[in-house]
N, C-alpha and C. Protein backbone atom coordinates (compact mmCIF):
# COMPACT_ATOMS: atom_id res chain seq x y z
N MET A 1 -69.63 198.97 -15.76
CA MET A 1 -69.48 197.72 -15.05
C MET A 1 -69.82 196.57 -16.00
N SER A 2 -69.00 195.53 -15.96
CA SER A 2 -69.23 194.40 -16.85
C SER A 2 -69.80 193.22 -16.06
N TYR A 3 -70.44 192.35 -16.79
CA TYR A 3 -71.06 191.18 -16.18
C TYR A 3 -70.42 189.93 -16.78
N VAL A 4 -70.04 188.99 -15.92
CA VAL A 4 -69.52 187.71 -16.37
C VAL A 4 -70.45 186.63 -15.83
N ASP A 5 -70.96 185.84 -16.72
CA ASP A 5 -71.86 184.75 -16.33
C ASP A 5 -71.11 183.80 -15.39
N PRO A 6 -71.65 183.45 -14.23
CA PRO A 6 -70.98 182.55 -13.31
C PRO A 6 -70.78 181.15 -13.89
N ARG A 7 -71.48 180.83 -14.95
CA ARG A 7 -71.32 179.53 -15.60
C ARG A 7 -70.25 179.54 -16.68
N ALA A 8 -69.57 180.65 -16.88
CA ALA A 8 -68.61 180.80 -17.99
C ALA A 8 -67.50 179.76 -17.94
N GLY A 9 -66.93 179.52 -16.76
CA GLY A 9 -65.86 178.53 -16.64
C GLY A 9 -66.33 177.14 -17.00
N SER A 10 -67.51 176.77 -16.52
CA SER A 10 -68.07 175.45 -16.84
C SER A 10 -68.38 175.32 -18.31
N MET A 11 -68.90 176.39 -18.91
CA MET A 11 -69.20 176.36 -20.35
C MET A 11 -67.93 176.21 -21.17
N ALA A 12 -66.88 176.92 -20.80
CA ALA A 12 -65.61 176.82 -21.52
C ALA A 12 -65.03 175.41 -21.39
N ALA A 13 -65.12 174.82 -20.19
CA ALA A 13 -64.61 173.46 -19.98
C ALA A 13 -65.41 172.45 -20.79
N GLN A 14 -66.71 172.67 -20.89
CA GLN A 14 -67.56 171.76 -21.66
C GLN A 14 -67.22 171.84 -23.15
N ILE A 15 -67.00 173.04 -23.65
CA ILE A 15 -66.62 173.21 -25.05
C ILE A 15 -65.26 172.57 -25.32
N ALA A 16 -64.30 172.80 -24.42
CA ALA A 16 -62.97 172.21 -24.58
C ALA A 16 -63.04 170.68 -24.52
N GLY A 17 -63.88 170.14 -23.66
CA GLY A 17 -64.00 168.69 -23.53
C GLY A 17 -64.50 168.02 -24.78
N GLU A 18 -65.26 168.72 -25.59
CA GLU A 18 -65.76 168.18 -26.85
C GLU A 18 -64.81 168.40 -28.02
N SER A 19 -63.72 169.12 -27.78
CA SER A 19 -62.78 169.50 -28.83
C SER A 19 -61.89 168.33 -29.25
N ALA A 20 -61.62 168.24 -30.54
CA ALA A 20 -60.70 167.22 -31.06
C ALA A 20 -59.27 167.50 -30.61
N GLU A 21 -58.98 168.75 -30.29
CA GLU A 21 -57.63 169.10 -29.82
C GLU A 21 -57.32 168.37 -28.51
N MET A 22 -58.31 168.19 -27.66
CA MET A 22 -58.10 167.45 -26.41
C MET A 22 -57.69 166.01 -26.70
N ASP A 23 -58.30 165.41 -27.72
CA ASP A 23 -57.92 164.05 -28.10
C ASP A 23 -56.49 164.00 -28.62
N ARG A 24 -56.12 165.00 -29.41
CA ARG A 24 -54.75 165.05 -29.94
C ARG A 24 -53.73 165.21 -28.82
N VAL A 25 -54.03 166.03 -27.83
CA VAL A 25 -53.11 166.21 -26.70
C VAL A 25 -53.01 164.92 -25.90
N ALA A 26 -54.11 164.21 -25.73
CA ALA A 26 -54.08 162.93 -25.01
C ALA A 26 -53.21 161.92 -25.74
N VAL A 27 -53.30 161.89 -27.06
CA VAL A 27 -52.45 160.98 -27.85
C VAL A 27 -50.98 161.37 -27.69
N ARG A 28 -50.69 162.67 -27.72
CA ARG A 28 -49.32 163.12 -27.49
C ARG A 28 -48.83 162.70 -26.11
N GLY A 29 -49.72 162.77 -25.12
CA GLY A 29 -49.36 162.37 -23.76
C GLY A 29 -49.03 160.89 -23.67
N VAL A 30 -49.82 160.07 -24.33
CA VAL A 30 -49.56 158.62 -24.34
C VAL A 30 -48.21 158.34 -25.00
N ARG A 31 -47.94 159.02 -26.11
CA ARG A 31 -46.64 158.84 -26.79
C ARG A 31 -45.49 159.25 -25.88
N ALA A 32 -45.66 160.36 -25.15
CA ALA A 32 -44.60 160.83 -24.25
C ALA A 32 -44.37 159.83 -23.13
N VAL A 33 -45.43 159.30 -22.54
CA VAL A 33 -45.28 158.31 -21.46
C VAL A 33 -44.58 157.07 -21.99
N ARG A 34 -44.99 156.61 -23.16
CA ARG A 34 -44.36 155.40 -23.73
C ARG A 34 -42.90 155.62 -24.06
N SER A 35 -42.54 156.81 -24.54
CA SER A 35 -41.14 157.06 -24.88
C SER A 35 -40.27 157.14 -23.62
N VAL A 36 -40.79 157.75 -22.55
CA VAL A 36 -40.03 157.79 -21.29
C VAL A 36 -39.93 156.39 -20.71
N ALA A 37 -41.00 155.62 -20.76
CA ALA A 37 -41.01 154.25 -20.21
C ALA A 37 -40.08 153.33 -20.99
N ALA A 38 -39.89 153.61 -22.27
CA ALA A 38 -39.03 152.75 -23.10
C ALA A 38 -37.60 152.72 -22.59
N ALA A 39 -37.16 153.80 -21.95
CA ALA A 39 -35.80 153.84 -21.42
C ALA A 39 -35.63 152.93 -20.21
N HIS A 40 -36.73 152.54 -19.57
CA HIS A 40 -36.67 151.74 -18.35
C HIS A 40 -37.30 150.37 -18.50
N ARG A 41 -37.66 149.99 -19.69
CA ARG A 41 -38.45 148.77 -19.85
C ARG A 41 -37.60 147.51 -19.67
N LEU A 42 -38.23 146.54 -19.03
CA LEU A 42 -37.63 145.22 -18.92
C LEU A 42 -38.42 144.22 -19.77
N THR A 43 -39.74 144.30 -19.68
CA THR A 43 -40.58 143.34 -20.41
C THR A 43 -41.49 144.01 -21.43
N GLY A 44 -41.76 145.29 -21.29
CA GLY A 44 -42.68 145.97 -22.18
C GLY A 44 -44.12 145.93 -21.71
N ASN A 45 -44.40 145.25 -20.58
CA ASN A 45 -45.77 145.16 -20.07
C ASN A 45 -46.33 146.52 -19.73
N TYR A 46 -45.54 147.37 -19.08
CA TYR A 46 -46.00 148.70 -18.68
C TYR A 46 -46.37 149.52 -19.92
N ILE A 47 -45.51 149.51 -20.91
CA ILE A 47 -45.73 150.28 -22.14
C ILE A 47 -47.00 149.82 -22.84
N ASP A 48 -47.23 148.52 -22.88
CA ASP A 48 -48.41 147.97 -23.55
C ASP A 48 -49.71 148.36 -22.87
N LYS A 49 -49.64 148.71 -21.58
CA LYS A 49 -50.85 149.01 -20.82
C LYS A 49 -51.05 150.50 -20.56
N VAL A 50 -50.42 151.35 -21.35
CA VAL A 50 -50.61 152.80 -21.25
C VAL A 50 -51.58 153.23 -22.35
N PHE A 51 -52.63 153.94 -21.96
CA PHE A 51 -53.63 154.39 -22.93
C PHE A 51 -54.32 155.64 -22.42
N ALA A 52 -55.02 156.32 -23.32
CA ALA A 52 -55.82 157.50 -22.96
C ALA A 52 -57.28 157.10 -22.96
N THR A 53 -58.05 157.68 -22.04
CA THR A 53 -59.47 157.40 -21.96
C THR A 53 -60.24 158.67 -21.61
N GLU A 54 -61.51 158.67 -21.93
CA GLU A 54 -62.38 159.78 -21.55
C GLU A 54 -63.01 159.47 -20.21
N ALA A 55 -63.17 160.51 -19.40
CA ALA A 55 -63.79 160.35 -18.09
C ALA A 55 -64.58 161.60 -17.76
N PRO A 56 -65.64 161.46 -16.98
CA PRO A 56 -66.36 162.66 -16.57
C PRO A 56 -65.52 163.47 -15.60
N SER A 57 -65.65 164.77 -15.66
CA SER A 57 -64.89 165.66 -14.78
C SER A 57 -65.26 165.40 -13.33
N VAL A 58 -64.28 165.51 -12.44
CA VAL A 58 -64.55 165.33 -11.01
C VAL A 58 -65.04 166.63 -10.38
N LEU A 59 -64.88 167.74 -11.08
CA LEU A 59 -65.35 169.02 -10.56
C LEU A 59 -66.83 169.20 -10.90
N PRO A 60 -67.59 169.76 -9.98
CA PRO A 60 -69.01 169.98 -10.27
C PRO A 60 -69.17 171.00 -11.39
N SER A 61 -70.15 170.76 -12.24
CA SER A 61 -70.40 171.65 -13.37
C SER A 61 -71.77 172.31 -13.22
N LYS A 62 -71.85 173.54 -13.66
CA LYS A 62 -73.11 174.28 -13.60
C LYS A 62 -73.91 174.17 -14.89
N VAL A 63 -73.32 173.50 -15.91
CA VAL A 63 -73.99 173.45 -17.21
C VAL A 63 -74.22 172.03 -17.73
N GLY A 64 -73.77 171.02 -17.04
CA GLY A 64 -73.93 169.65 -17.51
C GLY A 64 -72.61 168.91 -17.48
N PRO A 65 -72.58 167.71 -18.04
CA PRO A 65 -71.35 166.89 -17.97
C PRO A 65 -70.20 167.50 -18.75
N ILE A 66 -69.01 167.37 -18.17
CA ILE A 66 -67.77 167.83 -18.80
C ILE A 66 -66.88 166.62 -19.01
N LYS A 67 -66.33 166.48 -20.20
CA LYS A 67 -65.51 165.34 -20.56
C LYS A 67 -64.03 165.68 -20.38
N ASP A 68 -63.33 164.89 -19.58
CA ASP A 68 -61.89 165.03 -19.38
C ASP A 68 -61.19 163.86 -20.07
N ARG A 69 -59.88 163.99 -20.25
CA ARG A 69 -59.07 162.90 -20.77
C ARG A 69 -58.09 162.49 -19.68
N LEU A 70 -57.89 161.19 -19.53
CA LEU A 70 -56.93 160.65 -18.58
C LEU A 70 -55.93 159.78 -19.32
N ILE A 71 -54.68 159.86 -18.91
CA ILE A 71 -53.67 158.94 -19.41
C ILE A 71 -53.45 157.93 -18.30
N VAL A 72 -53.67 156.66 -18.63
CA VAL A 72 -53.72 155.60 -17.63
C VAL A 72 -52.60 154.59 -17.89
N ALA A 73 -51.93 154.18 -16.81
CA ALA A 73 -51.01 153.05 -16.86
C ALA A 73 -51.69 151.93 -16.08
N ASP A 74 -52.23 150.95 -16.79
CA ASP A 74 -53.07 149.91 -16.18
C ASP A 74 -52.27 148.68 -15.76
N ASP A 75 -50.97 148.81 -15.66
CA ASP A 75 -50.14 147.70 -15.22
C ASP A 75 -50.30 147.51 -13.71
N GLU A 76 -50.31 146.26 -13.25
CA GLU A 76 -50.49 146.00 -11.83
C GLU A 76 -49.35 146.56 -10.97
N ALA A 77 -48.20 146.80 -11.55
CA ALA A 77 -47.07 147.35 -10.81
C ALA A 77 -46.87 148.84 -11.08
N ALA A 78 -47.84 149.51 -11.65
CA ALA A 78 -47.68 150.91 -12.06
C ALA A 78 -47.31 151.83 -10.90
N VAL A 79 -47.95 151.65 -9.75
CA VAL A 79 -47.65 152.52 -8.60
C VAL A 79 -46.23 152.29 -8.12
N SER A 80 -45.81 151.03 -8.03
CA SER A 80 -44.44 150.72 -7.60
C SER A 80 -43.42 151.24 -8.60
N ILE A 81 -43.73 151.14 -9.88
CA ILE A 81 -42.82 151.63 -10.91
C ILE A 81 -42.72 153.15 -10.83
N GLU A 82 -43.83 153.81 -10.62
CA GLU A 82 -43.85 155.28 -10.58
C GLU A 82 -43.18 155.84 -9.33
N HIS A 83 -43.52 155.29 -8.16
CA HIS A 83 -43.10 155.91 -6.90
C HIS A 83 -42.04 155.13 -6.13
N GLY A 84 -41.76 153.89 -6.51
CA GLY A 84 -40.77 153.09 -5.81
C GLY A 84 -41.43 152.08 -4.88
N HIS A 85 -40.61 151.16 -4.37
CA HIS A 85 -41.13 150.12 -3.47
C HIS A 85 -39.99 149.51 -2.66
N MET A 86 -40.37 148.78 -1.63
CA MET A 86 -39.40 148.10 -0.78
C MET A 86 -39.24 146.65 -1.25
N VAL A 87 -38.01 146.14 -1.20
CA VAL A 87 -37.74 144.74 -1.53
C VAL A 87 -37.12 144.10 -0.31
N ARG A 88 -37.71 143.01 0.13
CA ARG A 88 -37.18 142.26 1.28
C ARG A 88 -36.32 141.12 0.75
N PHE A 89 -35.14 140.97 1.33
CA PHE A 89 -34.26 139.89 0.94
C PHE A 89 -34.77 138.59 1.54
N LYS A 90 -34.67 137.52 0.79
CA LYS A 90 -35.20 136.22 1.23
C LYS A 90 -34.51 135.76 2.50
N ASN A 91 -35.29 135.29 3.46
CA ASN A 91 -34.80 134.78 4.75
C ASN A 91 -33.95 135.79 5.51
N ALA A 92 -34.27 137.06 5.38
CA ALA A 92 -33.51 138.10 6.08
C ALA A 92 -34.46 139.21 6.50
N ARG A 93 -34.03 139.98 7.49
CA ARG A 93 -34.81 141.13 7.91
C ARG A 93 -34.46 142.37 7.11
N ARG A 94 -33.42 142.26 6.31
CA ARG A 94 -32.94 143.40 5.55
C ARG A 94 -33.88 143.74 4.39
N VAL A 95 -34.10 145.03 4.20
CA VAL A 95 -34.90 145.49 3.07
C VAL A 95 -34.13 146.57 2.32
N ARG A 96 -34.53 146.77 1.07
CA ARG A 96 -33.88 147.79 0.25
C ARG A 96 -34.98 148.55 -0.48
N PHE A 97 -34.83 149.85 -0.58
CA PHE A 97 -35.79 150.67 -1.30
C PHE A 97 -35.35 150.77 -2.76
N VAL A 98 -36.26 150.46 -3.65
CA VAL A 98 -36.03 150.61 -5.09
C VAL A 98 -36.72 151.91 -5.50
N PRO A 99 -35.96 152.93 -5.91
CA PRO A 99 -36.58 154.21 -6.24
C PRO A 99 -37.50 154.11 -7.45
N GLY A 100 -38.50 154.98 -7.47
CA GLY A 100 -39.44 155.01 -8.57
C GLY A 100 -38.83 155.63 -9.82
N GLN A 101 -39.43 155.33 -10.95
CA GLN A 101 -38.96 155.86 -12.23
C GLN A 101 -39.60 157.21 -12.56
N HIS A 102 -40.72 157.54 -11.93
CA HIS A 102 -41.43 158.82 -12.14
C HIS A 102 -41.71 159.06 -13.62
N ILE A 103 -42.21 158.02 -14.28
CA ILE A 103 -42.45 158.06 -15.72
C ILE A 103 -43.49 159.10 -16.10
N MET A 104 -44.61 159.14 -15.38
CA MET A 104 -45.67 160.08 -15.71
C MET A 104 -45.19 161.53 -15.53
N GLY A 105 -44.48 161.80 -14.45
CA GLY A 105 -43.97 163.15 -14.20
C GLY A 105 -42.96 163.58 -15.26
N LYS A 106 -42.08 162.67 -15.64
CA LYS A 106 -41.10 162.99 -16.68
C LYS A 106 -41.77 163.21 -18.03
N ALA A 107 -42.80 162.42 -18.31
CA ALA A 107 -43.53 162.60 -19.58
C ALA A 107 -44.21 163.95 -19.62
N LEU A 108 -44.73 164.40 -18.49
CA LEU A 108 -45.35 165.72 -18.43
C LEU A 108 -44.33 166.82 -18.71
N GLN A 109 -43.12 166.65 -18.20
CA GLN A 109 -42.06 167.63 -18.47
C GLN A 109 -41.67 167.62 -19.95
N VAL A 110 -41.65 166.44 -20.56
CA VAL A 110 -41.32 166.31 -21.99
C VAL A 110 -42.35 167.05 -22.83
N MET A 111 -43.63 166.95 -22.42
CA MET A 111 -44.70 167.58 -23.19
C MET A 111 -44.69 169.09 -23.07
N SER A 112 -44.19 169.65 -21.96
CA SER A 112 -44.26 171.11 -21.79
C SER A 112 -43.16 171.82 -22.51
């Protein structure tokens, strides 16, 4: 019979979080998001506000803090750009749905 320490998953995540490889993957992710966004850019504001950052893991850890990487689009219209939005015509009740570009999802597919 073998024994596996119940903290093994948390320890592995903590080791990975300190790895330089995680930083390299985050940089690749930012490049992928920017390249997908470049096909849809009008002003370049969205592309300029895409960056990678470190954040504490949201999952509870049994061994201490775990460092995650996030790719962030800090543009004020990022949600509308990603998922779409409604546009109301001036002085009318008519609205039109503008579909989202799904930039983050497409960038994830590019990376895999």
